[in-house]
Amino acid sequence: MDVVILAGGKCDDALRAATGVELRADVLLGDKTLAQIVLEATRPFGEPILVGGHLGAASRRVESGINFCDSLGNGLSQVQTEKFLLVTVDLPCLTTEGLRDFVSHCDGDAGLNFPIVSKEDCERVFPGMKRTTLKLKEGVFTGGNVAVMDTTAMKRALPVMEKAYALRKKPLKLAQMVGFGVLGRVVLGQAMPGTLPVACLEKGVGRFLGTKVHAVISHYPELGADLDKASDYQAFVRKLGSRV
């Protein structure tokens, strides 16, 4: 299974000031950059395709795009396997163990598998770290930054994803595209926890993308503990005991 690592994200002003680098892939924690950490965690699955980052960091590399969908498309163009593992580069605690556990629970018939991690597990491993959560019938969860995707299904879905990305700041038009029913259940679920089961979310996203979708409940918060902001950087420095 090929691995696609999205590594083109740039640091905002505060993170750049704290780390001294332009790309999140180059953020140093201890003696390793984020790119090195993620490359090491994913290499047991196969030589990764690095989207962005520096020349020479991986033997398979393509340029990043102007946004997530563009970069995903660039990575997709190099995938040679029926399914591939998608990972973002901003995961300082990513481990091969966590990835293997996630992959082992994926649905082979799904075009998209993604992990969700309970708020309790996140607090257990990363106490005090803020994460965006969604209240579902089965509990309060946060999403991971990895996925197992069917290559053909994602190539078909990419134009739809690109349209949704373009409408991300126009909620009414996005709702028309995704479906008011799906978004309405999500909103209602925040006010009345227990009204939106995981299965309903899977079906709604699956209808939008035109493929079967499966959410894997993972007990590895490392799959979604990303480093986006200067405050995240400081938290990971404390967590990992790094000297920078």
C-alpha atoms as a PDB file:
ATOM      1  CA  MET A   1       0.000   0.000   0.000  1.00  0.00           C
ATOM      2  CA  ASP A   2       1.432   3.349  -1.033  1.00  0.00           C
ATOM      3  CA  VAL A   3       1.713   6.147   1.521  1.00  0.00           C
ATOM      4  CA  VAL A   4       1.031   9.802   0.672  1.00  0.00           C
ATOM      5  CA  ILE A   5       2.371  12.408   3.117  1.00  0.00           C
ATOM      6  CA  LEU A   6       1.053  15.958   2.745  1.00  0.00           C
ATOM      7  CA  ALA A   7       4.034  18.121   3.706  1.00  0.00           C
ATOM      8  CA  GLY A   8       3.472  21.483   2.037  1.00  0.00           C
ATOM      9  CA  GLY A   9       1.844  23.388   4.918  1.00  0.00           C
ATOM     10  CA  LYS A  10       3.500  26.662   5.923  1.00  0.00           C
ATOM     11  CA  CYS A  11       3.949  28.029   9.449  1.00  0.00           C
ATOM     12  CA  ASP A  12       1.899  31.054  10.426  1.00  0.00           C
ATOM     13  CA  ASP A  13       3.745  34.104  11.751  1.00  0.00           C
ATOM     14  CA  ALA A  14       3.675  33.002  15.398  1.00  0.00           C
ATOM     15  CA  LEU A  15       4.833  29.453  14.671  1.00  0.00           C
ATOM     16  CA  ARG A  16       7.551  30.761  12.351  1.00  0.00           C
ATOM     17  CA  ALA A  17       8.790  33.079  15.079  1.00  0.00           C
ATOM     18  CA  ALA A  18       8.818  30.236  17.626  1.00  0.00           C
ATOM     19  CA  THR A  19      10.553  27.683  15.395  1.00  0.00           C
ATOM     20  CA  GLY A  20      12.571  29.707  12.899  1.00  0.00           C
ATOM     21  CA  VAL A  21      11.331  27.690   9.899  1.00  0.00           C
ATOM     22  CA  GLU A  22       8.911  28.338   7.047  1.00  0.00           C
ATOM     23  CA  LEU A  23       7.425  24.869   6.581  1.00  0.00           C
ATOM     24  CA  ARG A  24       5.753  22.812   9.287  1.00  0.00           C
ATOM     25  CA  ALA A  25       7.598  19.803   7.888  1.00  0.00           C
ATOM     26  CA  ASP A  26      10.844  21.429   9.079  1.00  0.00           C
ATOM     27  CA  VAL A  27       9.751  22.096  12.666  1.00  0.00           C
ATOM     28  CA  LEU A  28      12.375  20.506  14.918  1.00  0.00           C
ATOM     29  CA  LEU A  29      11.420  18.550  18.012  1.00  0.00           C
ATOM     30  CA  GLY A  30      14.474  17.146  19.754  1.00  0.00           C
ATOM     31  CA  ASP A  31      16.800  15.918  16.999  1.00  0.00           C
ATOM     32  CA  LYS A  32      14.120  15.201  14.385  1.00  0.00           C
ATOM     33  CA  THR A  33      11.935  17.318  12.144  1.00  0.00           C
ATOM     34  CA  LEU A  34       8.229  16.593  11.746  1.00  0.00           C
ATOM     35  CA  ALA A  35       8.970  15.224   8.274  1.00  0.00           C
ATOM     36  CA  GLN A  36      11.543  12.791   9.670  1.00  0.00           C
ATOM     37  CA  ILE A  37       9.176  11.641  12.436  1.00  0.00           C
ATOM     38  CA  VAL A  38       6.327  10.942  10.014  1.00  0.00           C
ATOM     39  CA  LEU A  39       8.569   9.353   7.380  1.00  0.00           C
ATOM     40  CA  GLU A  40       9.985   6.938   9.963  1.00  0.00           C
ATOM     41  CA  ALA A  41       6.511   6.010  11.238  1.00  0.00           C
ATOM     42  CA  THR A  42       5.162   5.314   7.746  1.00  0.00           C
ATOM     43  CA  ARG A  43       8.131   3.608   6.023  1.00  0.00           C
ATOM     44  CA  PRO A  44       7.188   0.094   7.233  1.00  0.00           C
ATOM     45  CA  PHE A  45       4.165   0.388   4.925  1.00  0.00           C
ATOM     46  CA  GLY A  46       6.317   1.232   1.898  1.00  0.00           C
ATOM     47  CA  GLU A  47       8.442   4.095   0.591  1.00  0.00           C
ATOM     48  CA  PRO A  48       6.213   7.171   1.061  1.00  0.00           C
ATOM     49  CA  ILE A  49       5.274   9.744  -1.541  1.00  0.00           C
ATOM     50  CA  LEU A  50       6.143  13.115  -0.041  1.00  0.00           C
ATOM     51  CA  VAL A  51       3.944  15.958  -1.301  1.00  0.00           C
ATOM     52  CA  GLY A  52       5.965  19.117  -0.669  1.00  0.00           C
ATOM     53  CA  GLY A  53       8.857  19.257   1.749  1.00  0.00           C
ATOM     54  CA  HIS A  54      12.455  19.275   0.570  1.00  0.00           C
ATOM     55  CA  LEU A  55      14.124  17.548  -2.346  1.00  0.00           C
ATOM     56  CA  GLY A  56      15.984  14.489  -1.130  1.00  0.00           C
ATOM     57  CA  ALA A  57      13.820  13.984   1.970  1.00  0.00           C
ATOM     58  CA  ALA A  58      12.177  10.987   0.273  1.00  0.00           C
ATOM     59  CA  SER A  59      12.936   9.064  -2.911  1.00  0.00           C
ATOM     60  CA  ARG A  60       9.361   9.661  -4.133  1.00  0.00           C
ATOM     61  CA  ARG A  61       8.352  13.311  -4.046  1.00  0.00           C
ATOM     62  CA  VAL A  62       6.044  15.717  -5.871  1.00  0.00           C
ATOM     63  CA  GLU A  63       5.384  19.406  -5.423  1.00  0.00           C
ATOM     64  CA  SER A  64       2.605  20.505  -3.109  1.00  0.00           C
ATOM     65  CA  GLY A  65      -0.453  22.317  -4.443  1.00  0.00           C
ATOM     66  CA  ILE A  66      -2.057  25.607  -3.483  1.00  0.00           C
ATOM     67  CA  ASN A  67      -4.500  23.883  -1.103  1.00  0.00           C
ATOM     68  CA  PHE A  68      -5.371  20.512   0.443  1.00  0.00           C
ATOM     69  CA  CYS A  69      -7.301  19.176  -2.561  1.00  0.00           C
ATOM     70  CA  ASP A  70      -4.609  20.300  -4.984  1.00  0.00           C
ATOM     71  CA  SER A  71      -1.902  18.587  -2.923  1.00  0.00           C
ATOM     72  CA  LEU A  72      -4.003  15.441  -2.561  1.00  0.00           C
ATOM     73  CA  GLY A  73      -4.432  15.349  -6.325  1.00  0.00           C
ATOM     74  CA  ASN A  74      -0.671  15.676  -6.844  1.00  0.00           C
ATOM     75  CA  GLY A  75      -0.067  12.797  -4.450  1.00  0.00           C
ATOM     76  CA  LEU A  76      -2.832  10.703  -6.020  1.00  0.00           C
ATOM     77  CA  SER A  77      -1.173  11.038  -9.409  1.00  0.00           C
ATOM     78  CA  GLN A  78       1.807   9.040  -8.090  1.00  0.00           C
ATOM     79  CA  VAL A  79      -0.093   6.270  -6.280  1.00  0.00           C
ATOM     80  CA  GLN A  80       0.352   2.843  -7.865  1.00  0.00           C
ATOM     81  CA  THR A  81      -1.605   0.663  -5.414  1.00  0.00           C
ATOM     82  CA  GLU A  82      -5.361   0.022  -5.170  1.00  0.00           C
ATOM     83  CA  LYS A  83      -5.481   1.645  -1.734  1.00  0.00           C
ATOM     84  CA  PHE A  84      -3.189   4.153  -0.087  1.00  0.00           C
ATOM     85  CA  LEU A  85      -2.508   5.567   3.354  1.00  0.00           C
ATOM     86  CA  LEU A  86      -2.846   9.350   3.603  1.00  0.00           C
ATOM     87  CA  VAL A  87      -0.990  11.138   6.416  1.00  0.00           C
ATOM     88  CA  THR A  88      -0.359  14.799   7.175  1.00  0.00           C
ATOM     89  CA  VAL A  89       3.150  15.799   8.195  1.00  0.00           C
ATOM     90  CA  ASP A  90       2.175  17.712  11.344  1.00  0.00           C
ATOM     91  CA  LEU A  91       1.905  14.710  13.707  1.00  0.00           C
ATOM     92  CA  PRO A  92       4.828  14.857  16.188  1.00  0.00           C
ATOM     93  CA  CYS A  93       3.854  11.710  18.119  1.00  0.00           C
ATOM     94  CA  LEU A  94       2.860   9.491  15.198  1.00  0.00           C
ATOM     95  CA  THR A  95       3.946   5.865  15.578  1.00  0.00           C
ATOM     96  CA  THR A  96       3.946   2.803  13.345  1.00  0.00           C
ATOM     97  CA  GLU A  97       2.038   0.974  16.095  1.00  0.00           C
ATOM     98  CA  GLY A  98      -0.834   3.456  15.981  1.00  0.00           C
ATOM     99  CA  LEU A  99      -0.982   3.347  12.187  1.00  0.00           C
ATOM    100  CA  ARG A 100      -0.956  -0.461  12.117  1.00  0.00           C
ATOM    101  CA  ASP A 101      -3.788  -0.612  14.629  1.00  0.00           C
ATOM    102  CA  PHE A 102      -5.845   1.819  12.545  1.00  0.00           C
ATOM    103  CA  VAL A 103      -5.161  -0.028   9.279  1.00  0.00           C
ATOM    104  CA  SER A 104      -6.047  -3.376  10.872  1.00  0.00           C
ATOM    105  CA  HIS A 105      -9.544  -2.071  11.723  1.00  0.00           C
ATOM    106  CA  CYS A 106     -10.267  -0.528   8.314  1.00  0.00           C
ATOM    107  CA  ASP A 107     -13.096  -1.808   6.117  1.00  0.00           C
ATOM    108  CA  GLY A 108     -11.628  -3.249   2.936  1.00  0.00           C
ATOM    109  CA  ASP A 109     -14.800  -2.404   0.999  1.00  0.00           C
ATOM    110  CA  ALA A 110     -14.783   1.283   1.982  1.00  0.00           C
ATOM    111  CA  GLY A 111     -13.481   3.962  -0.327  1.00  0.00           C
ATOM    112  CA  LEU A 112     -12.544   6.058   2.704  1.00  0.00           C
ATOM    113  CA  ASN A 113     -11.555   4.908   6.188  1.00  0.00           C
ATOM    114  CA  PHE A 114     -10.715   7.514   8.816  1.00  0.00           C
ATOM    115  CA  PRO A 115     -10.035   7.355  12.569  1.00  0.00           C
ATOM    116  CA  ILE A 116     -12.003   9.075  15.297  1.00  0.00           C
ATOM    117  CA  VAL A 117     -10.615   9.303  18.832  1.00  0.00           C
ATOM    118  CA  SER A 118     -12.629   9.854  21.996  1.00  0.00           C
ATOM    119  CA  LYS A 119     -12.139  13.041  23.985  1.00  0.00           C
ATOM    120  CA  GLU A 120     -11.267  10.870  26.997  1.00  0.00           C
ATOM    121  CA  ASP A 121      -8.408   9.167  25.153  1.00  0.00           C
ATOM    122  CA  CYS A 122      -7.116  12.551  23.960  1.00  0.00           C
ATOM    123  CA  GLU A 123      -7.154  13.908  27.514  1.00  0.00           C
ATOM    124  CA  ARG A 124      -5.458  10.774  28.815  1.00  0.00           C
ATOM    125  CA  VAL A 125      -2.467  11.128  26.480  1.00  0.00           C
ATOM    126  CA  PHE A 126      -2.466  14.892  25.861  1.00  0.00           C
ATOM    127  CA  PRO A 127      -4.025  16.535  28.930  1.00  0.00           C
ATOM    128  CA  GLY A 128      -5.105  20.108  28.355  1.00  0.00           C
ATOM    129  CA  MET A 129      -4.474  20.083  24.602  1.00  0.00           C
ATOM    130  CA  LYS A 130      -7.381  21.702  22.745  1.00  0.00           C
ATOM    131  CA  ARG A 131      -8.983  19.753  19.904  1.00  0.00           C
ATOM    132  CA  THR A 132     -12.073  20.319  17.752  1.00  0.00           C
ATOM    133  CA  THR A 133     -14.643  17.721  18.777  1.00  0.00           C
ATOM    134  CA  LEU A 134     -17.981  16.415  17.533  1.00  0.00           C
ATOM    135  CA  LYS A 135     -20.708  15.054  19.812  1.00  0.00           C
ATOM    136  CA  LEU A 136     -22.023  11.732  18.535  1.00  0.00           C
ATOM    137  CA  LYS A 137     -24.343   9.118  19.996  1.00  0.00           C
ATOM    138  CA  GLU A 138     -21.366   6.965  20.927  1.00  0.00           C
ATOM    139  CA  GLY A 139     -19.477   9.805  22.649  1.00  0.00           C
ATOM    140  CA  VAL A 140     -17.439  12.953  21.989  1.00  0.00           C
ATOM    141  CA  PHE A 141     -14.798  12.432  19.324  1.00  0.00           C
ATOM    142  CA  THR A 142     -12.075  14.239  17.427  1.00  0.00           C
ATOM    143  CA  GLY A 143     -10.929  13.283  13.953  1.00  0.00           C
ATOM    144  CA  GLY A 144      -7.543  11.912  13.003  1.00  0.00           C
ATOM    145  CA  ASN A 145      -5.161  13.265  10.395  1.00  0.00           C
ATOM    146  CA  VAL A 146      -4.720   9.973   8.572  1.00  0.00           C
ATOM    147  CA  ALA A 147      -6.934   7.932   6.259  1.00  0.00           C
ATOM    148  CA  VAL A 148      -6.930   4.790   4.156  1.00  0.00           C
ATOM    149  CA  MET A 149      -8.393   5.563   0.748  1.00  0.00           C
ATOM    150  CA  ASP A 150      -9.348   3.619  -2.345  1.00  0.00           C
ATOM    151  CA  THR A 151      -7.331   5.164  -5.158  1.00  0.00           C
ATOM    152  CA  THR A 152      -9.985   4.909  -7.872  1.00  0.00           C
ATOM    153  CA  ALA A 153     -12.777   6.115  -5.577  1.00  0.00           C
ATOM    154  CA  MET A 154     -10.757   9.147  -4.471  1.00  0.00           C
ATOM    155  CA  LYS A 155      -9.880  10.091  -8.027  1.00  0.00           C
ATOM    156  CA  ARG A 156     -13.628  10.096  -8.794  1.00  0.00           C
ATOM    157  CA  ALA A 157     -14.422  12.061  -5.636  1.00  0.00           C
ATOM    158  CA  LEU A 158     -11.687  14.671  -6.005  1.00  0.00           C
ATOM    159  CA  PRO A 159     -13.705  17.076  -8.213  1.00  0.00           C
ATOM    160  CA  VAL A 160     -16.533  17.021  -5.630  1.00  0.00           C
ATOM    161  CA  MET A 161     -14.050  17.667  -2.825  1.00  0.00           C
ATOM    162  CA  GLU A 162     -12.549  20.562  -4.776  1.00  0.00           C
ATOM    163  CA  LYS A 163     -15.983  22.166  -5.193  1.00  0.00           C
ATOM    164  CA  ALA A 164     -16.698  21.751  -1.473  1.00  0.00           C
ATOM    165  CA  TYR A 165     -13.323  23.263  -0.595  1.00  0.00           C
ATOM    166  CA  ALA A 166     -14.058  26.281  -2.799  1.00  0.00           C
ATOM    167  CA  LEU A 167     -17.365  26.778  -0.939  1.00  0.00           C
ATOM    168  CA  ARG A 168     -15.950  26.297   2.568  1.00  0.00           C
ATOM    169  CA  LYS A 169     -16.600  29.968   3.460  1.00  0.00           C
ATOM    170  CA  LYS A 170     -20.113  29.952   1.976  1.00  0.00           C
ATOM    171  CA  PRO A 171     -22.061  27.705   4.371  1.00  0.00           C
ATOM    172  CA  LEU A 172     -25.438  27.896   2.621  1.00  0.00           C
ATOM    173  CA  LYS A 173     -24.035  26.879  -0.745  1.00  0.00           C
ATOM    174  CA  LEU A 174     -21.932  24.202   0.921  1.00  0.00           C
ATOM    175  CA  ALA A 175     -25.040  22.897   2.691  1.00  0.00           C
ATOM    176  CA  GLN A 176     -26.861  22.684  -0.638  1.00  0.00           C
ATOM    177  CA  MET A 177     -23.984  20.647  -2.016  1.00  0.00           C
ATOM    178  CA  VAL A 178     -23.409  18.340   0.963  1.00  0.00           C
ATOM    179  CA  GLY A 179     -27.069  18.095   1.904  1.00  0.00           C
ATOM    180  CA  PHE A 180     -28.975  20.084   4.492  1.00  0.00           C
ATOM    181  CA  GLY A 181     -30.016  16.839   6.156  1.00  0.00           C
ATOM    182  CA  VAL A 182     -26.461  15.810   6.946  1.00  0.00           C
ATOM    183  CA  LEU A 183     -25.390  19.221   8.216  1.00  0.00           C
ATOM    184  CA  GLY A 184     -28.641  19.607  10.154  1.00  0.00           C
ATOM    185  CA  ARG A 185     -28.042  16.366  12.007  1.00  0.00           C
ATOM    186  CA  VAL A 186     -24.494  17.495  12.854  1.00  0.00           C
ATOM    187  CA  VAL A 187     -25.752  20.816  14.255  1.00  0.00           C
ATOM    188  CA  LEU A 188     -28.572  19.125  16.160  1.00  0.00           C
ATOM    189  CA  GLY A 189     -26.106  16.637  17.569  1.00  0.00           C
ATOM    190  CA  GLN A 190     -24.146  19.438  19.220  1.00  0.00           C
ATOM    191  CA  ALA A 191     -27.230  20.713  21.031  1.00  0.00           C
ATOM    192  CA  MET A 192     -28.675  17.264  21.752  1.00  0.00           C
ATOM    193  CA  PRO A 193     -25.859  14.698  22.075  1.00  0.00           C
ATOM    194  CA  GLY A 194     -27.021  11.241  21.157  1.00  0.00           C
ATOM    195  CA  THR A 195     -29.037  12.215  18.089  1.00  0.00           C
ATOM    196  CA  LEU A 196     -26.223  11.578  15.578  1.00  0.00           C
ATOM    197  CA  PRO A 197     -24.778   8.049  15.523  1.00  0.00           C
ATOM    198  CA  VAL A 198     -21.468   7.272  13.842  1.00  0.00           C
ATOM    199  CA  ALA A 199     -23.314   5.246  11.183  1.00  0.00           C
ATOM    200  CA  CYS A 200     -25.355   8.300  10.154  1.00  0.00           C
ATOM    201  CA  LEU A 201     -22.195  10.367   9.762  1.00  0.00           C
ATOM    202  CA  GLU A 202     -20.622   7.609   7.673  1.00  0.00           C
ATOM    203  CA  LYS A 203     -23.646   7.423   5.364  1.00  0.00           C
ATOM    204  CA  GLY A 204     -23.858  11.202   4.969  1.00  0.00           C
ATOM    205  CA  VAL A 205     -20.200  11.610   4.064  1.00  0.00           C
ATOM    206  CA  GLY A 206     -20.412   8.540   1.842  1.00  0.00           C
ATOM    207  CA  ARG A 207     -23.339   9.965  -0.142  1.00  0.00           C
ATOM    208  CA  PHE A 208     -21.438  13.208  -0.602  1.00  0.00           C
ATOM    209  CA  LEU A 209     -18.261  11.496  -1.824  1.00  0.00           C
ATOM    210  CA  GLY A 210     -20.020   8.756  -3.756  1.00  0.00           C
ATOM    211  CA  THR A 211     -18.269   5.920  -1.940  1.00  0.00           C
ATOM    212  CA  LYS A 212     -18.607   3.809   1.193  1.00  0.00           C
ATOM    213  CA  VAL A 213     -17.145   5.513   4.258  1.00  0.00           C
ATOM    214  CA  HIS A 214     -16.054   3.861   7.497  1.00  0.00           C
ATOM    215  CA  ALA A 215     -15.069   5.575  10.760  1.00  0.00           C
ATOM    216  CA  VAL A 216     -12.621   3.607  12.906  1.00  0.00           C
ATOM    217  CA  ILE A 217     -12.795   4.299  16.637  1.00  0.00           C
ATOM    218  CA  SER A 218      -9.110   4.424  17.570  1.00  0.00           C
ATOM    219  CA  HIS A 219      -7.484   4.552  20.986  1.00  0.00           C
ATOM    220  CA  TYR A 220      -4.357   6.229  19.586  1.00  0.00           C
ATOM    221  CA  PRO A 221      -4.730  10.025  19.969  1.00  0.00           C
ATOM    222  CA  GLU A 222      -1.350  10.383  18.267  1.00  0.00           C
ATOM    223  CA  LEU A 223      -3.194   9.977  14.960  1.00  0.00           C
ATOM    224  CA  GLY A 224      -4.859  13.361  15.403  1.00  0.00           C
ATOM    225  CA  ALA A 225      -2.591  15.342  17.734  1.00  0.00           C
ATOM    226  CA  ASP A 226      -1.323  17.835  15.169  1.00  0.00           C
ATOM    227  CA  LEU A 227       1.023  20.788  15.440  1.00  0.00           C
ATOM    228  CA  ASP A 228      -0.509  23.836  13.768  1.00  0.00           C
ATOM    229  CA  LYS A 229       0.123  26.751  16.122  1.00  0.00           C
ATOM    230  CA  ALA A 230       2.877  28.145  18.329  1.00  0.00           C
ATOM    231  CA  SER A 231       0.921  27.015  21.401  1.00  0.00           C
ATOM    232  CA  ASP A 232       0.860  23.466  19.987  1.00  0.00           C
ATOM    233  CA  TYR A 233       4.612  23.625  19.484  1.00  0.00           C
ATOM    234  CA  GLN A 234       5.233  24.646  23.085  1.00  0.00           C
ATOM    235  CA  ALA A 235       2.874  21.898  24.306  1.00  0.00           C
ATOM    236  CA  PHE A 236       4.727  19.240  22.336  1.00  0.00           C
ATOM    237  CA  VAL A 237       8.099  20.527  23.550  1.00  0.00           C
ATOM    238  CA  ARG A 238       6.851  20.039  27.112  1.00  0.00           C
ATOM    239  CA  LYS A 239       5.246  16.690  26.298  1.00  0.00           C
ATOM    240  CA  LEU A 240       8.286  15.241  24.575  1.00  0.00           C
ATOM    241  CA  GLY A 241      10.843  16.816  26.890  1.00  0.00           C
ATOM    242  CA  SER A 242      12.648  18.248  23.878  1.00  0.00           C
ATOM    243  CA  ARG A 243      15.429  20.748  24.033  1.00  0.00           C
ATOM    244  CA  VAL A 244      15.148  23.219  21.176  1.00  0.00           C
END
